[in-house]
Amino acid sequence: MVNPADLVVVVTTVDDPEKANALAQGLVLSRLAACVTQVPQAVSTYWWQGAMETQAEVVLWLKTRRALLPAIEAYFQEHHPYTVPECVALPMLGVSAAYGQWVWDQTQETVDSL
């Protein structure tokens, strides 16, 4: 049985649907995420280089293992289009046993090869 404390949802944003799709596919193909859900048409307001910005973005929700966070951050450094990519990990509290096991199984190959 998978311990829910070992699973997280990582949130990031991308400014372009094609870039979001490429990032999502790369994360799933590399087994860094079991699933990446893309939520289009979000709007973010933030400070960047001394100015307040408002940007349309796609929110990505990566379902993965906590142990893969360093590898995901490294992947973002190489493949994410932002200079400072958002990488926020949220615990999967109350995840169903079947879904938790599925996330675990889909990311097993990567964990074993680290």
PDB file of N, CA and C in Angstrom:
ATOM      1  N   MET A   1       0.837  -1.186   0.000  1.00  0.00           N
ATOM      2  CA  MET A   1       0.000   0.000   0.000  1.00  0.00           C
ATOM      3  C   MET A   1       0.882   1.249   0.000  1.00  0.00           C
ATOM      4  N   VAL A   2       0.549   2.205  -0.827  1.00  0.00           N
ATOM      5  CA  VAL A   2       1.301   3.444  -0.978  1.00  0.00           C
ATOM      6  C   VAL A   2       0.950   4.394   0.158  1.00  0.00           C
ATOM      7  N   ASN A   3       1.951   5.008   0.727  1.00  0.00           N
ATOM      8  CA  ASN A   3       1.743   6.021   1.762  1.00  0.00           C
ATOM      9  C   ASN A   3       1.424   7.343   1.069  1.00  0.00           C
ATOM     10  N   PRO A   4       0.240   7.945   1.317  1.00  0.00           N
ATOM     11  CA  PRO A   4      -0.094   9.224   0.678  1.00  0.00           C
ATOM     12  C   PRO A   4       0.945  10.313   0.930  1.00  0.00           C
ATOM     13  N   ALA A   5       1.675  10.236   2.025  1.00  0.00           N
ATOM     14  CA  ALA A   5       2.716  11.232   2.314  1.00  0.00           C
ATOM     15  C   ALA A   5       3.843  11.186   1.284  1.00  0.00           C
ATOM     16  N   ASP A   6       3.941  10.096   0.527  1.00  0.00           N
ATOM     17  CA  ASP A   6       4.975   9.962  -0.500  1.00  0.00           C
ATOM     18  C   ASP A   6       4.541  10.527  -1.852  1.00  0.00           C
ATOM     19  N   LEU A   7       3.304  11.024  -1.937  1.00  0.00           N
ATOM     20  CA  LEU A   7       2.767  11.526  -3.199  1.00  0.00           C
ATOM     21  C   LEU A   7       2.479  13.022  -3.103  1.00  0.00           C
ATOM     22  N   VAL A   8       2.679  13.724  -4.216  1.00  0.00           N
ATOM     23  CA  VAL A   8       2.422  15.163  -4.266  1.00  0.00           C
ATOM     24  C   VAL A   8       1.799  15.543  -5.605  1.00  0.00           C
ATOM     25  N   VAL A   9       1.191  16.714  -5.609  1.00  0.00           N
ATOM     26  CA  VAL A   9       0.772  17.372  -6.838  1.00  0.00           C
ATOM     27  C   VAL A   9       1.679  18.589  -6.983  1.00  0.00           C
ATOM     28  N   VAL A  10       2.377  18.674  -8.097  1.00  0.00           N
ATOM     29  CA  VAL A  10       3.245  19.810  -8.367  1.00  0.00           C
ATOM     30  C   VAL A  10       2.498  20.748  -9.310  1.00  0.00           C
ATOM     31  N   VAL A  11       2.491  22.023  -8.965  1.00  0.00           N
ATOM     32  CA  VAL A  11       1.809  23.035  -9.769  1.00  0.00           C
ATOM     33  C   VAL A  11       2.857  23.917 -10.443  1.00  0.00           C
ATOM     34  N   THR A  12       2.638  24.155 -11.740  1.00  0.00           N
ATOM     35  CA  THR A  12       3.453  25.118 -12.476  1.00  0.00           C
ATOM     36  C   THR A  12       2.553  25.814 -13.488  1.00  0.00           C
ATOM     37  N   THR A  13       3.056  26.877 -14.088  1.00  0.00           N
ATOM     38  CA  THR A  13       2.305  27.604 -15.108  1.00  0.00           C
ATOM     39  C   THR A  13       3.193  27.848 -16.312  1.00  0.00           C
ATOM     40  N   VAL A  14       2.548  27.964 -17.470  1.00  0.00           N
ATOM     41  CA  VAL A  14       3.234  28.228 -18.735  1.00  0.00           C
ATOM     42  C   VAL A  14       2.367  29.213 -19.509  1.00  0.00           C
ATOM     43  N   ASP A  15       2.992  30.101 -20.273  1.00  0.00           N
ATOM     44  CA  ASP A  15       2.247  31.165 -20.956  1.00  0.00           C
ATOM     45  C   ASP A  15       1.673  30.795 -22.315  1.00  0.00           C
ATOM     46  N   ASP A  16       1.882  29.565 -22.762  1.00  0.00           N
ATOM     47  CA  ASP A  16       1.466  29.185 -24.112  1.00  0.00           C
ATOM     48  C   ASP A  16       0.970  27.738 -24.105  1.00  0.00           C
ATOM     49  N   PRO A  17      -0.214  27.463 -24.690  1.00  0.00           N
ATOM     50  CA  PRO A  17      -0.743  26.098 -24.694  1.00  0.00           C
ATOM     51  C   PRO A  17       0.177  25.073 -25.360  1.00  0.00           C
ATOM     52  N   GLU A  18       0.876  25.441 -26.428  1.00  0.00           N
ATOM     53  CA  GLU A  18       1.782  24.496 -27.083  1.00  0.00           C
ATOM     54  C   GLU A  18       2.967  24.166 -26.185  1.00  0.00           C
ATOM     55  N   LYS A  19       3.509  25.168 -25.502  1.00  0.00           N
ATOM     56  CA  LYS A  19       4.601  24.935 -24.558  1.00  0.00           C
ATOM     57  C   LYS A  19       4.121  24.082 -23.384  1.00  0.00           C
ATOM     58  N   ALA A  20       2.900  24.340 -22.936  1.00  0.00           N
ATOM     59  CA  ALA A  20       2.334  23.559 -21.835  1.00  0.00           C
ATOM     60  C   ALA A  20       2.199  22.104 -22.240  1.00  0.00           C
ATOM     61  N   ASN A  21       1.711  21.858 -23.443  1.00  0.00           N
ATOM     62  CA  ASN A  21       1.539  20.492 -23.921  1.00  0.00           C
ATOM     63  C   ASN A  21       2.885  19.790 -24.063  1.00  0.00           C
ATOM     64  N   ALA A  22       3.883  20.492 -24.591  1.00  0.00           N
ATOM     65  CA  ALA A  22       5.214  19.894 -24.747  1.00  0.00           C
ATOM     66  C   ALA A  22       5.802  19.551 -23.380  1.00  0.00           C
ATOM     67  N   LEU A  23       5.654  20.443 -22.406  1.00  0.00           N
ATOM     68  CA  LEU A  23       6.168  20.188 -21.070  1.00  0.00           C
ATOM     69  C   LEU A  23       5.439  19.000 -20.441  1.00  0.00           C
ATOM     70  N   ALA A  24       4.115  18.960 -20.578  1.00  0.00           N
ATOM     71  CA  ALA A  24       3.321  17.863 -20.018  1.00  0.00           C
ATOM     72  C   ALA A  24       3.734  16.521 -20.616  1.00  0.00           C
ATOM     73  N   GLN A  25       3.858  16.479 -21.926  1.00  0.00           N
ATOM     74  CA  GLN A  25       4.233  15.227 -22.581  1.00  0.00           C
ATOM     75  C   GLN A  25       5.634  14.778 -22.169  1.00  0.00           C
ATOM     76  N   GLY A  26       6.556  15.709 -22.078  1.00  0.00           N
ATOM     77  CA  GLY A  26       7.913  15.363 -21.674  1.00  0.00           C
ATOM     78  C   GLY A  26       7.971  14.809 -20.258  1.00  0.00           C
ATOM     79  N   LEU A  27       7.203  15.400 -19.348  1.00  0.00           N
ATOM     80  CA  LEU A  27       7.179  14.932 -17.963  1.00  0.00           C
ATOM     81  C   LEU A  27       6.586  13.529 -17.853  1.00  0.00           C
ATOM     82  N   VAL A  28       5.536  13.265 -18.613  1.00  0.00           N
ATOM     83  CA  VAL A  28       4.908  11.939 -18.573  1.00  0.00           C
ATOM     84  C   VAL A  28       5.797  10.910 -19.271  1.00  0.00           C
ATOM     85  N   LEU A  29       6.348  11.263 -20.427  1.00  0.00           N
ATOM     86  CA  LEU A  29       7.232  10.328 -21.139  1.00  0.00           C
ATOM     87  C   LEU A  29       8.454   9.953 -20.314  1.00  0.00           C
ATOM     88  N   SER A  30       8.973  10.904 -19.545  1.00  0.00           N
ATOM     89  CA  SER A  30      10.155  10.636 -18.725  1.00  0.00           C
ATOM     90  C   SER A  30       9.795   9.973 -17.399  1.00  0.00           C
ATOM     91  N   ARG A  31       8.501   9.748 -17.166  1.00  0.00           N
ATOM     92  CA  ARG A  31       8.006   9.116 -15.937  1.00  0.00           C
ATOM     93  C   ARG A  31       8.241   9.962 -14.693  1.00  0.00           C
ATOM     94  N   LEU A  32       8.435  11.272 -14.892  1.00  0.00           N
ATOM     95  CA  LEU A  32       8.530  12.171 -13.745  1.00  0.00           C
ATOM     96  C   LEU A  32       7.150  12.494 -13.189  1.00  0.00           C
ATOM     97  N   ALA A  33       6.124  12.291 -13.995  1.00  0.00           N
ATOM     98  CA  ALA A  33       4.739  12.487 -13.558  1.00  0.00           C
ATOM     99  C   ALA A  33       3.890  11.355 -14.124  1.00  0.00           C
ATOM    100  N   ALA A  34       2.946  10.890 -13.317  1.00  0.00           N
ATOM    101  CA  ALA A  34       2.010   9.874 -13.802  1.00  0.00           C
ATOM    102  C   ALA A  34       0.990  10.506 -14.737  1.00  0.00           C
ATOM    103  N   CYS A  35       0.652  11.754 -14.445  1.00  0.00           N
ATOM    104  CA  CYS A  35      -0.364  12.474 -15.201  1.00  0.00           C
ATOM    105  C   CYS A  35      -0.090  13.963 -15.046  1.00  0.00           C
ATOM    106  N   VAL A  36      -0.311  14.716 -16.114  1.00  0.00           N
ATOM    107  CA  VAL A  36      -0.259  16.176 -16.042  1.00  0.00           C
ATOM    108  C   VAL A  36      -1.571  16.713 -16.574  1.00  0.00           C
ATOM    109  N   THR A  37      -2.305  17.390 -15.730  1.00  0.00           N
ATOM    110  CA  THR A  37      -3.570  18.004 -16.123  1.00  0.00           C
ATOM    111  C   THR A  37      -3.314  19.452 -16.498  1.00  0.00           C
ATOM    112  N   GLN A  38      -3.790  19.841 -17.681  1.00  0.00           N
ATOM    113  CA  GLN A  38      -3.615  21.210 -18.169  1.00  0.00           C
ATOM    114  C   GLN A  38      -4.922  21.976 -18.000  1.00  0.00           C
ATOM    115  N   VAL A  39      -4.845  23.104 -17.305  1.00  0.00           N
ATOM    116  CA  VAL A  39      -6.014  23.950 -17.077  1.00  0.00           C
ATOM    117  C   VAL A  39      -5.773  25.270 -17.803  1.00  0.00           C
ATOM    118  N   PRO A  40      -6.408  25.454 -18.958  1.00  0.00           N
ATOM    119  CA  PRO A  40      -6.158  26.667 -19.745  1.00  0.00           C
ATOM    120  C   PRO A  40      -6.903  27.881 -19.187  1.00  0.00           C
ATOM    121  N   GLN A  41      -6.533  29.029 -19.709  1.00  0.00           N
ATOM    122  CA  GLN A  41      -7.219  30.296 -19.474  1.00  0.00           C
ATOM    123  C   GLN A  41      -7.148  30.801 -18.039  1.00  0.00           C
ATOM    124  N   ALA A  42      -6.088  30.485 -17.333  1.00  0.00           N
ATOM    125  CA  ALA A  42      -5.854  31.108 -16.031  1.00  0.00           C
ATOM    126  C   ALA A  42      -5.224  32.473 -16.290  1.00  0.00           C
ATOM    127  N   VAL A  43      -5.377  33.373 -15.356  1.00  0.00           N
ATOM    128  CA  VAL A  43      -4.747  34.685 -15.445  1.00  0.00           C
ATOM    129  C   VAL A  43      -3.971  34.912 -14.162  1.00  0.00           C
ATOM    130  N   SER A  44      -2.677  35.187 -14.305  1.00  0.00           N
ATOM    131  CA  SER A  44      -1.814  35.431 -13.147  1.00  0.00           C
ATOM    132  C   SER A  44      -1.394  36.895 -13.117  1.00  0.00           C
ATOM    133  N   THR A  45      -1.384  37.461 -11.921  1.00  0.00           N
ATOM    134  CA  THR A  45      -0.880  38.812 -11.703  1.00  0.00           C
ATOM    135  C   THR A  45       0.277  38.703 -10.725  1.00  0.00           C
ATOM    136  N   TYR A  46       1.428  39.296 -11.063  1.00  0.00           N
ATOM    137  CA  TYR A  46       2.637  39.093 -10.284  1.00  0.00           C
ATOM    138  C   TYR A  46       3.623  40.230 -10.557  1.00  0.00           C
ATOM    139  N   TRP A  47       4.624  40.322  -9.681  1.00  0.00           N
ATOM    140  CA  TRP A  47       5.725  41.256  -9.898  1.00  0.00           C
ATOM    141  C   TRP A  47       6.820  40.556 -10.685  1.00  0.00           C
ATOM    142  N   TRP A  48       7.342  41.221 -11.719  1.00  0.00           N
ATOM    143  CA  TRP A  48       8.474  40.693 -12.468  1.00  0.00           C
ATOM    144  C   TRP A  48       9.357  41.852 -12.903  1.00  0.00           C
ATOM    145  N   GLN A  49      10.591  41.811 -12.471  1.00  0.00           N
ATOM    146  CA  GLN A  49      11.590  42.816 -12.812  1.00  0.00           C
ATOM    147  C   GLN A  49      11.099  44.235 -12.530  1.00  0.00           C
ATOM    148  N   GLY A  50      10.495  44.410 -11.346  1.00  0.00           N
ATOM    149  CA  GLY A  50      10.083  45.723 -10.876  1.00  0.00           C
ATOM    150  C   GLY A  50       8.757  46.233 -11.401  1.00  0.00           C
ATOM    151  N   ALA A  51       8.050  45.436 -12.180  1.00  0.00           N
ATOM    152  CA  ALA A  51       6.766  45.864 -12.727  1.00  0.00           C
ATOM    153  C   ALA A  51       5.703  44.810 -12.446  1.00  0.00           C
ATOM    154  N   MET A  52       4.485  45.279 -12.220  1.00  0.00           N
ATOM    155  CA  MET A  52       3.388  44.340 -12.047  1.00  0.00           C
ATOM    156  C   MET A  52       2.923  43.883 -13.431  1.00  0.00           C
ATOM    157  N   GLU A  53       2.802  42.578 -13.588  1.00  0.00           N
ATOM    158  CA  GLU A  53       2.410  41.966 -14.853  1.00  0.00           C
ATOM    159  C   GLU A  53       1.108  41.196 -14.676  1.00  0.00           C
ATOM    160  N   THR A  54       0.348  41.106 -15.739  1.00  0.00           N
ATOM    161  CA  THR A  54      -0.820  40.234 -15.795  1.00  0.00           C
ATOM    162  C   THR A  54      -0.688  39.421 -17.074  1.00  0.00           C
ATOM    163  N   GLN A  55      -0.772  38.094 -16.915  1.00  0.00           N
ATOM    164  CA  GLN A  55      -0.470  37.201 -18.036  1.00  0.00           C
ATOM    165  C   GLN A  55      -1.475  36.055 -18.083  1.00  0.00           C
ATOM    166  N   ALA A  56      -1.988  35.743 -19.276  1.00  0.00           N
ATOM    167  CA  ALA A  56      -2.784  34.530 -19.459  1.00  0.00           C
ATOM    168  C   ALA A  56      -1.831  33.346 -19.400  1.00  0.00           C
ATOM    169  N   GLU A  57      -2.222  32.302 -18.681  1.00  0.00           N
ATOM    170  CA  GLU A  57      -1.360  31.136 -18.514  1.00  0.00           C
ATOM    171  C   GLU A  57      -2.174  29.848 -18.525  1.00  0.00           C
ATOM    172  N   VAL A  58      -1.466  28.759 -18.731  1.00  0.00           N
ATOM    173  CA  VAL A  58      -2.008  27.419 -18.567  1.00  0.00           C
ATOM    174  C   VAL A  58      -1.425  26.885 -17.259  1.00  0.00           C
ATOM    175  N   VAL A  59      -2.287  26.403 -16.373  1.00  0.00           N
ATOM    176  CA  VAL A  59      -1.833  25.807 -15.117  1.00  0.00           C
ATOM    177  C   VAL A  59      -1.645  24.315 -15.350  1.00  0.00           C
ATOM    178  N   LEU A  60      -0.507  23.789 -14.911  1.00  0.00           N
ATOM    179  CA  LEU A  60      -0.232  22.359 -15.025  1.00  0.00           C
ATOM    180  C   LEU A  60      -0.217  21.750 -13.631  1.00  0.00           C
ATOM    181  N   TRP A  61      -0.944  20.652 -13.464  1.00  0.00           N
ATOM    182  CA  TRP A  61      -0.986  19.888 -12.216  1.00  0.00           C
ATOM    183  C   TRP A  61      -0.314  18.547 -12.480  1.00  0.00           C
ATOM    184  N   LEU A  62       0.858  18.335 -11.908  1.00  0.00           N
ATOM    185  CA  LEU A  62       1.602  17.095 -12.090  1.00  0.00           C
ATOM    186  C   LEU A  62       1.339  16.177 -10.904  1.00  0.00           C
ATOM    187  N   LYS A  63       0.881  14.977 -11.159  1.00  0.00           N
ATOM    188  CA  LYS A  63       0.693  13.982 -10.094  1.00  0.00           C
ATOM    189  C   LYS A  63       1.927  13.092 -10.080  1.00  0.00           C
ATOM    190  N   THR A  64       2.615  13.055  -8.923  1.00  0.00           N
ATOM    191  CA  THR A  64       3.918  12.413  -8.881  1.00  0.00           C
ATOM    192  C   THR A  64       4.288  11.997  -7.462  1.00  0.00           C
ATOM    193  N   ARG A  65       5.539  11.568  -7.316  1.00  0.00           N
ATOM    194  CA  ARG A  65       6.092  11.182  -6.014  1.00  0.00           C
ATOM    195  C   ARG A  65       6.906  12.327  -5.426  1.00  0.00           C
ATOM    196  N   ARG A  66       6.854  12.451  -4.136  1.00  0.00           N
ATOM    197  CA  ARG A  66       7.648  13.466  -3.440  1.00  0.00           C
ATOM    198  C   ARG A  66       9.139  13.298  -3.753  1.00  0.00           C
ATOM    199  N   ALA A  67       9.606  12.060  -3.851  1.00  0.00           N
ATOM    200  CA  ALA A  67      11.028  11.783  -4.095  1.00  0.00           C
ATOM    201  C   ALA A  67      11.506  12.312  -5.447  1.00  0.00           C
ATOM    202  N   LEU A  68      10.593  12.574  -6.365  1.00  0.00           N
ATOM    203  CA  LEU A  68      10.975  13.046  -7.690  1.00  0.00           C
ATOM    204  C   LEU A  68      11.090  14.570  -7.788  1.00  0.00           C
ATOM    205  N   LEU A  69      10.814  15.287  -6.702  1.00  0.00           N
ATOM    206  CA  LEU A  69      10.859  16.749  -6.754  1.00  0.00           C
ATOM    207  C   LEU A  69      12.208  17.292  -7.253  1.00  0.00           C
ATOM    208  N   PRO A  70      13.348  16.810  -6.759  1.00  0.00           N
ATOM    209  CA  PRO A  70      14.622  17.328  -7.303  1.00  0.00           C
ATOM    210  C   PRO A  70      14.773  17.076  -8.801  1.00  0.00           C
ATOM    211  N   ALA A  71      14.343  15.921  -9.271  1.00  0.00           N
ATOM    212  CA  ALA A  71      14.433  15.615 -10.702  1.00  0.00           C
ATOM    213  C   ALA A  71      13.481  16.495 -11.513  1.00  0.00           C
ATOM    214  N   ILE A  72      12.316  16.792 -10.967  1.00  0.00           N
ATOM    215  CA  ILE A  72      11.367  17.676 -11.656  1.00  0.00           C
ATOM    216  C   ILE A  72      11.931  19.090 -11.724  1.00  0.00           C
ATOM    217  N   GLU A  73      12.510  19.569 -10.640  1.00  0.00           N
ATOM    218  CA  GLU A  73      13.138  20.897 -10.660  1.00  0.00           C
ATOM    219  C   GLU A  73      14.257  20.949 -11.702  1.00  0.00           C
ATOM    220  N   ALA A  74      15.054  19.915 -11.795  1.00  0.00           N
ATOM    221  CA  ALA A  74      16.120  19.859 -12.802  1.00  0.00           C
ATOM    222  C   ALA A  74      15.525  19.841 -14.210  1.00  0.00           C
ATOM    223  N   TYR A  75      14.447  19.091 -14.393  1.00  0.00           N
ATOM    224  CA  TYR A  75      13.773  19.041 -15.685  1.00  0.00           C
ATOM    225  C   TYR A  75      13.250  20.425 -16.064  1.00  0.00           C
ATOM    226  N   PHE A  76      12.657  21.122 -15.090  1.00  0.00           N
ATOM    227  CA  PHE A  76      12.162  22.474 -15.344  1.00  0.00           C
ATOM    228  C   PHE A  76      13.308  23.407 -15.753  1.00  0.00           C
ATOM    229  N   GLN A  77      14.459  23.299 -15.103  1.00  0.00           N
ATOM    230  CA  GLN A  77      15.591  24.164 -15.440  1.00  0.00           C
ATOM    231  C   GLN A  77      16.000  23.986 -16.898  1.00  0.00           C
ATOM    232  N   GLU A  78      15.857  22.776 -17.403  1.00  0.00           N
ATOM    233  CA  GLU A  78      16.255  22.497 -18.784  1.00  0.00           C
ATOM    234  C   GLU A  78      15.141  22.734 -19.801  1.00  0.00           C
ATOM    235  N   HIS A  79      13.872  22.464 -19.425  1.00  0.00           N
ATOM    236  CA  HIS A  79      12.794  22.441 -20.420  1.00  0.00           C
ATOM    237  C   HIS A  79      11.696  23.482 -20.218  1.00  0.00           C
ATOM    238  N   HIS A  80      11.580  24.057 -19.040  1.00  0.00           N
ATOM    239  CA  HIS A  80      10.502  25.019 -18.776  1.00  0.00           C
ATOM    240  C   HIS A  80      10.832  26.337 -19.467  1.00  0.00           C
ATOM    241  N   PRO A  81       9.859  26.979 -20.104  1.00  0.00           N
ATOM    242  CA  PRO A  81      10.146  28.212 -20.835  1.00  0.00           C
ATOM    243  C   PRO A  81      10.397  29.437 -19.942  1.00  0.00           C
ATOM    244  N   TYR A  82      10.090  29.365 -18.652  1.00  0.00           N
ATOM    245  CA  TYR A  82      10.260  30.529 -17.777  1.00  0.00           C
ATOM    246  C   TYR A  82      11.661  30.549 -17.175  1.00  0.00           C
ATOM    247  N   THR A  83      12.152  31.739 -16.938  1.00  0.00           N
ATOM    248  CA  THR A  83      13.435  31.918 -16.257  1.00  0.00           C
ATOM    249  C   THR A  83      13.363  31.410 -14.825  1.00  0.00           C
ATOM    250  N   VAL A  84      12.239  31.701 -14.162  1.00  0.00           N
ATOM    251  CA  VAL A  84      12.003  31.245 -12.789  1.00  0.00           C
ATOM    252  C   VAL A  84      10.693  30.461 -12.793  1.00  0.00           C
ATOM    253  N   PRO A  85      10.750  29.159 -13.104  1.00  0.00           N
ATOM    254  CA  PRO A  85       9.511  28.383 -13.180  1.00  0.00           C
ATOM    255  C   PRO A  85       8.900  28.144 -11.804  1.00  0.00           C
ATOM    256  N   GLU A  86       7.593  28.257 -11.755  1.00  0.00           N
ATOM    257  CA  GLU A  86       6.854  27.895 -10.545  1.00  0.00           C
ATOM    258  C   GLU A  86       6.981  26.387 -10.349  1.00  0.00           C
ATOM    259  N   CYS A  87       7.277  25.979  -9.124  1.00  0.00           N
ATOM    260  CA  CYS A  87       7.353  24.556  -8.787  1.00  0.00           C
ATOM    261  C   CYS A  87       6.887  24.426  -7.342  1.00  0.00           C
ATOM    262  N   VAL A  88       5.579  24.304  -7.168  1.00  0.00           N
ATOM    263  CA  VAL A  88       4.970  24.236  -5.848  1.00  0.00           C
ATOM    264  C   VAL A  88       4.414  22.828  -5.651  1.00  0.00           C
ATOM    265  N   ALA A  89       4.868  22.139  -4.611  1.00  0.00           N
ATOM    266  CA  ALA A  89       4.415  20.777  -4.337  1.00  0.00           C
ATOM    267  C   ALA A  89       3.369  20.793  -3.221  1.00  0.00           C
ATOM    268  N   LEU A  90       2.239  20.175  -3.498  1.00  0.00           N
ATOM    269  CA  LEU A  90       1.157  20.062  -2.528  1.00  0.00           C
ATOM    270  C   LEU A  90       0.975  18.595  -2.159  1.00  0.00           C
ATOM    271  N   PRO A  91       0.839  18.288  -0.867  1.00  0.00           N
ATOM    272  CA  PRO A  91       0.671  16.881  -0.490  1.00  0.00           C
ATOM    273  C   PRO A  91      -0.666  16.333  -0.980  1.00  0.00           C
ATOM    274  N   MET A  92      -0.674  15.057  -1.309  1.00  0.00           N
ATOM    275  CA  MET A  92      -1.918  14.367  -1.690  1.00  0.00           C
ATOM    276  C   MET A  92      -2.541  13.792  -0.423  1.00  0.00           C
ATOM    277  N   LEU A  93      -3.277  14.584   0.275  1.00  0.00           N
ATOM    278  CA  LEU A  93      -3.943  14.118   1.485  1.00  0.00           C
ATOM    279  C   LEU A  93      -5.283  13.495   1.109  1.00  0.00           C
ATOM    280  N   GLY A  94      -5.550  12.343   1.634  1.00  0.00           N
ATOM    281  CA  GLY A  94      -6.829  11.704   1.365  1.00  0.00           C
ATOM    282  C   GLY A  94      -6.948  11.097  -0.016  1.00  0.00           C
ATOM    283  N   VAL A  95      -5.840  10.783  -0.657  1.00  0.00           N
ATOM    284  CA  VAL A  95      -5.877  10.178  -1.983  1.00  0.00           C
ATOM    285  C   VAL A  95      -6.418   8.750  -1.874  1.00  0.00           C
ATOM    286  N   SER A  96      -7.214   8.341  -2.857  1.00  0.00           N
ATOM    287  CA  SER A  96      -7.731   6.980  -2.833  1.00  0.00           C
ATOM    288  C   SER A  96      -6.586   5.994  -3.008  1.00  0.00           C
ATOM    289  N   ALA A  97      -6.732   4.824  -2.435  1.00  0.00           N
ATOM    290  CA  ALA A  97      -5.688   3.800  -2.501  1.00  0.00           C
ATOM    291  C   ALA A  97      -5.387   3.419  -3.954  1.00  0.00           C
ATOM    292  N   ALA A  98      -6.432   3.265  -4.758  1.00  0.00           N
ATOM    293  CA  ALA A  98      -6.235   2.848  -6.145  1.00  0.00           C
ATOM    294  C   ALA A  98      -5.508   3.922  -6.953  1.00  0.00           C
ATOM    295  N   TYR A  99      -5.888   5.180  -6.774  1.00  0.00           N
ATOM    296  CA  TYR A  99      -5.231   6.259  -7.516  1.00  0.00           C
ATOM    297  C   TYR A  99      -3.790   6.440  -7.044  1.00  0.00           C
ATOM    298  N   GLY A 100      -3.583   6.398  -5.743  1.00  0.00           N
ATOM    299  CA  GLY A 100      -2.236   6.506  -5.207  1.00  0.00           C
ATOM    300  C   GLY A 100      -1.325   5.417  -5.747  1.00  0.00           C
ATOM    301  N   GLN A 101      -1.831   4.200  -5.812  1.00  0.00           N
ATOM    302  CA  GLN A 101      -1.047   3.096  -6.349  1.00  0.00           C
ATOM    303  C   GLN A 101      -0.751   3.304  -7.823  1.00  0.00           C
ATOM    304  N   TRP A 102      -1.724   3.832  -8.568  1.00  0.00           N
ATOM    305  CA  TRP A 102      -1.525   4.092  -9.994  1.00  0.00           C
ATOM    306  C   TRP A 102      -0.415   5.132 -10.200  1.00  0.00           C
ATOM    307  N   VAL A 103      -0.444   6.228  -9.433  1.00  0.00           N
ATOM    308  CA  VAL A 103       0.610   7.247  -9.529  1.00  0.00           C
ATOM    309  C   VAL A 103       1.962   6.618  -9.222  1.00  0.00           C
ATOM    310  N   TRP A 104       2.005   5.821  -8.170  1.00  0.00           N
ATOM    311  CA  TRP A 104       3.241   5.142  -7.764  1.00  0.00           C
ATOM    312  C   TRP A 104       3.763   4.248  -8.890  1.00  0.00           C
ATOM    313  N   ASP A 105       2.874   3.448  -9.452  1.00  0.00           N
ATOM    314  CA  ASP A 105       3.265   2.507 -10.506  1.00  0.00           C
ATOM    315  C   ASP A 105       3.760   3.222 -11.762  1.00  0.00           C
ATOM    316  N   GLN A 106       3.112   4.328 -12.135  1.00  0.00           N
ATOM    317  CA  GLN A 106       3.473   5.031 -13.374  1.00  0.00           C
ATOM    318  C   GLN A 106       4.797   5.765 -13.263  1.00  0.00           C
ATOM    319  N   THR A 107       5.265   6.019 -12.051  1.00  0.00           N
ATOM    320  CA  THR A 107       6.533   6.724 -11.856  1.00  0.00           C
ATOM    321  C   THR A 107       7.629   5.790 -11.358  1.00  0.00           C
ATOM    322  N   GLN A 108       7.343   4.517 -11.244  1.00  0.00           N
ATOM    323  CA  GLN A 108       8.284   3.535 -10.716  1.00  0.00           C
ATOM    324  C   GLN A 108       9.571   3.446 -11.537  1.00  0.00           C
ATOM    325  N   GLU A 109       9.435   3.427 -12.852  1.00  0.00           N
ATOM    326  CA  GLU A 109      10.602   3.262 -13.720  1.00  0.00           C
ATOM    327  C   GLU A 109      11.647   4.363 -13.474  1.00  0.00           C
ATOM    328  N   THR A 110      11.186   5.604 -13.317  1.00  0.00           N
ATOM    329  CA  THR A 110      12.098   6.715 -13.088  1.00  0.00           C
ATOM    330  C   THR A 110      12.764   6.601 -11.731  1.00  0.00           C
ATOM    331  N   VAL A 111      11.993   6.294 -10.700  1.00  0.00           N
ATOM    332  CA  VAL A 111      12.540   6.196  -9.353  1.00  0.00           C
ATOM    333  C   VAL A 111      13.594   5.112  -9.292  1.00  0.00           C
ATOM    334  N   ASP A 112      13.335   3.990  -9.928  1.00  0.00           N
ATOM    335  CA  ASP A 112      14.290   2.877  -9.911  1.00  0.00           C
ATOM    336  C   ASP A 112      15.581   3.227 -10.640  1.00  0.00           C
ATOM    337  N   SER A 113      15.506   4.130 -11.612  1.00  0.00           N
ATOM    338  CA  SER A 113      16.700   4.455 -12.395  1.00  0.00           C
ATOM    339  C   SER A 113      17.492   5.628 -11.822  1.00  0.00           C
ATOM    340  N   LEU A 114      16.998   6.277 -10.785  1.00  0.00           N
ATOM    341  CA  LEU A 114      17.721   7.417 -10.205  1.00  0.00           C
ATOM    342  C   LEU A 114      18.923   6.961  -9.405  1.00  0.00           C
TER     343      LEU A 114
END
